Amino acid sequence: MKTENILIIVLTVIAGFGLLWSGYSFYGAKESKIYEIQNTQENYNKALESELTDKCATPEGYTDESWAEHMSHHPDRYEECL
């Protein structure tokens, strides 16, 4: 095979992988959004009902760092925790 033919094959394979990856990223991102929690009054009320007695304590499913970050987004609600 000539060098030009090998180069064309390599570039075609790379372009093919690029197309596959971009398609997967685009459609995969849409699929993952299905499982996002929706910001509704009902979900907010459920979250409030499940809040720990000590609202500054790190709840299950969070690390101390991620809970601190979450509280920082709601300074009016967690002022005494920050």
Protein backbone atom coordinates (compact mmCIF):
# COMPACT_ATOMS: atom_id res chain seq x y z
CA MET A 1 0.00 0.00 0.00
CA LYS A 2 1.07 3.51 -0.64
CA THR A 3 1.68 5.87 2.25
CA GLU A 4 -1.17 8.09 1.07
CA ASN A 5 -3.63 5.17 1.23
CA ILE A 6 -2.56 4.27 4.76
CA LEU A 7 -2.91 7.89 5.81
CA ILE A 8 -6.43 8.04 4.33
CA ILE A 9 -7.41 4.84 6.17
CA VAL A 10 -6.03 6.11 9.48
CA LEU A 11 -7.77 9.47 9.12
CA THR A 12 -11.05 7.75 8.19
CA VAL A 13 -10.87 5.52 11.26
CA ILE A 14 -10.10 8.49 13.51
CA ALA A 15 -12.98 10.48 12.00
CA GLY A 16 -15.29 7.49 12.50
CA PHE A 17 -14.37 7.23 16.17
CA GLY A 18 -14.90 10.97 16.51
CA LEU A 19 -18.39 10.71 15.05
CA LEU A 20 -19.26 7.76 17.27
CA TRP A 21 -17.99 9.57 20.37
CA SER A 22 -19.84 12.80 19.59
CA GLY A 23 -23.07 10.91 18.90
CA TYR A 24 -22.73 8.96 22.13
CA SER A 25 -21.99 12.12 24.11
CA PHE A 26 -24.94 13.98 22.61
CA TYR A 27 -27.52 11.23 23.04
CA GLY A 28 -26.04 9.91 26.29
CA ALA A 29 -26.31 13.37 27.84
CA LYS A 30 -29.99 13.55 26.94
CA GLU A 31 -30.65 10.12 28.44
CA SER A 32 -28.98 11.00 31.74
CA LYS A 33 -31.23 14.06 32.15
CA ILE A 34 -34.24 11.75 32.46
CA TYR A 35 -33.13 10.91 35.99
CA GLU A 36 -32.58 14.48 37.19
CA ILE A 37 -34.76 15.64 40.05
CA GLN A 38 -37.25 18.22 38.92
CA ASN A 39 -37.58 21.48 40.85
CA THR A 40 -41.24 21.30 41.85
CA GLN A 41 -43.03 22.43 45.00
CA GLU A 42 -43.90 18.79 45.75
CA ASN A 43 -40.23 17.70 45.59
CA TYR A 44 -39.20 20.70 47.69
CA ASN A 45 -41.77 19.80 50.35
CA LYS A 46 -40.53 16.18 50.37
CA ALA A 47 -36.97 17.40 50.85
CA LEU A 48 -38.02 19.59 53.77
CA GLU A 49 -39.90 16.71 55.40
CA SER A 50 -36.86 14.43 55.14
CA GLU A 51 -34.46 17.01 56.56
CA LEU A 52 -32.54 15.92 59.65
CA THR A 53 -33.25 17.45 63.04
CA ASP A 54 -29.87 19.17 62.79
CA LYS A 55 -30.09 20.75 59.36
CA CYS A 56 -26.35 21.49 59.46
CA ALA A 57 -25.48 17.78 59.78
CA THR A 58 -24.37 16.02 56.62
CA PRO A 59 -27.23 13.79 55.41
CA GLU A 60 -26.80 10.35 53.90
CA GLY A 61 -25.68 10.46 50.27
CA TYR A 62 -23.54 13.60 50.71
CA THR A 63 -19.93 14.11 51.67
CA ASP A 64 -19.14 16.86 54.17
CA GLU A 65 -17.71 18.91 51.31
CA SER A 66 -20.69 18.44 48.98
CA TRP A 67 -23.15 19.27 51.79
CA ALA A 68 -21.19 22.42 52.66
CA GLU A 69 -21.30 23.41 48.99
CA HIS A 70 -25.05 22.73 48.86
CA MET A 71 -25.66 24.86 51.95
CA SER A 72 -23.58 27.68 50.47
CA HIS A 73 -26.12 27.90 47.63
CA HIS A 74 -28.87 28.58 50.21
CA PRO A 75 -27.34 31.05 52.68
CA ASP A 76 -30.78 32.28 53.79
CA ARG A 77 -31.76 28.76 54.87
CA TYR A 78 -28.41 27.58 56.32
CA GLU A 79 -26.98 30.87 57.61
CA GLU A 80 -26.08 29.44 61.02
CA CYS A 81 -24.29 26.46 59.39
CA LEU A 82 -21.93 28.46 57.20
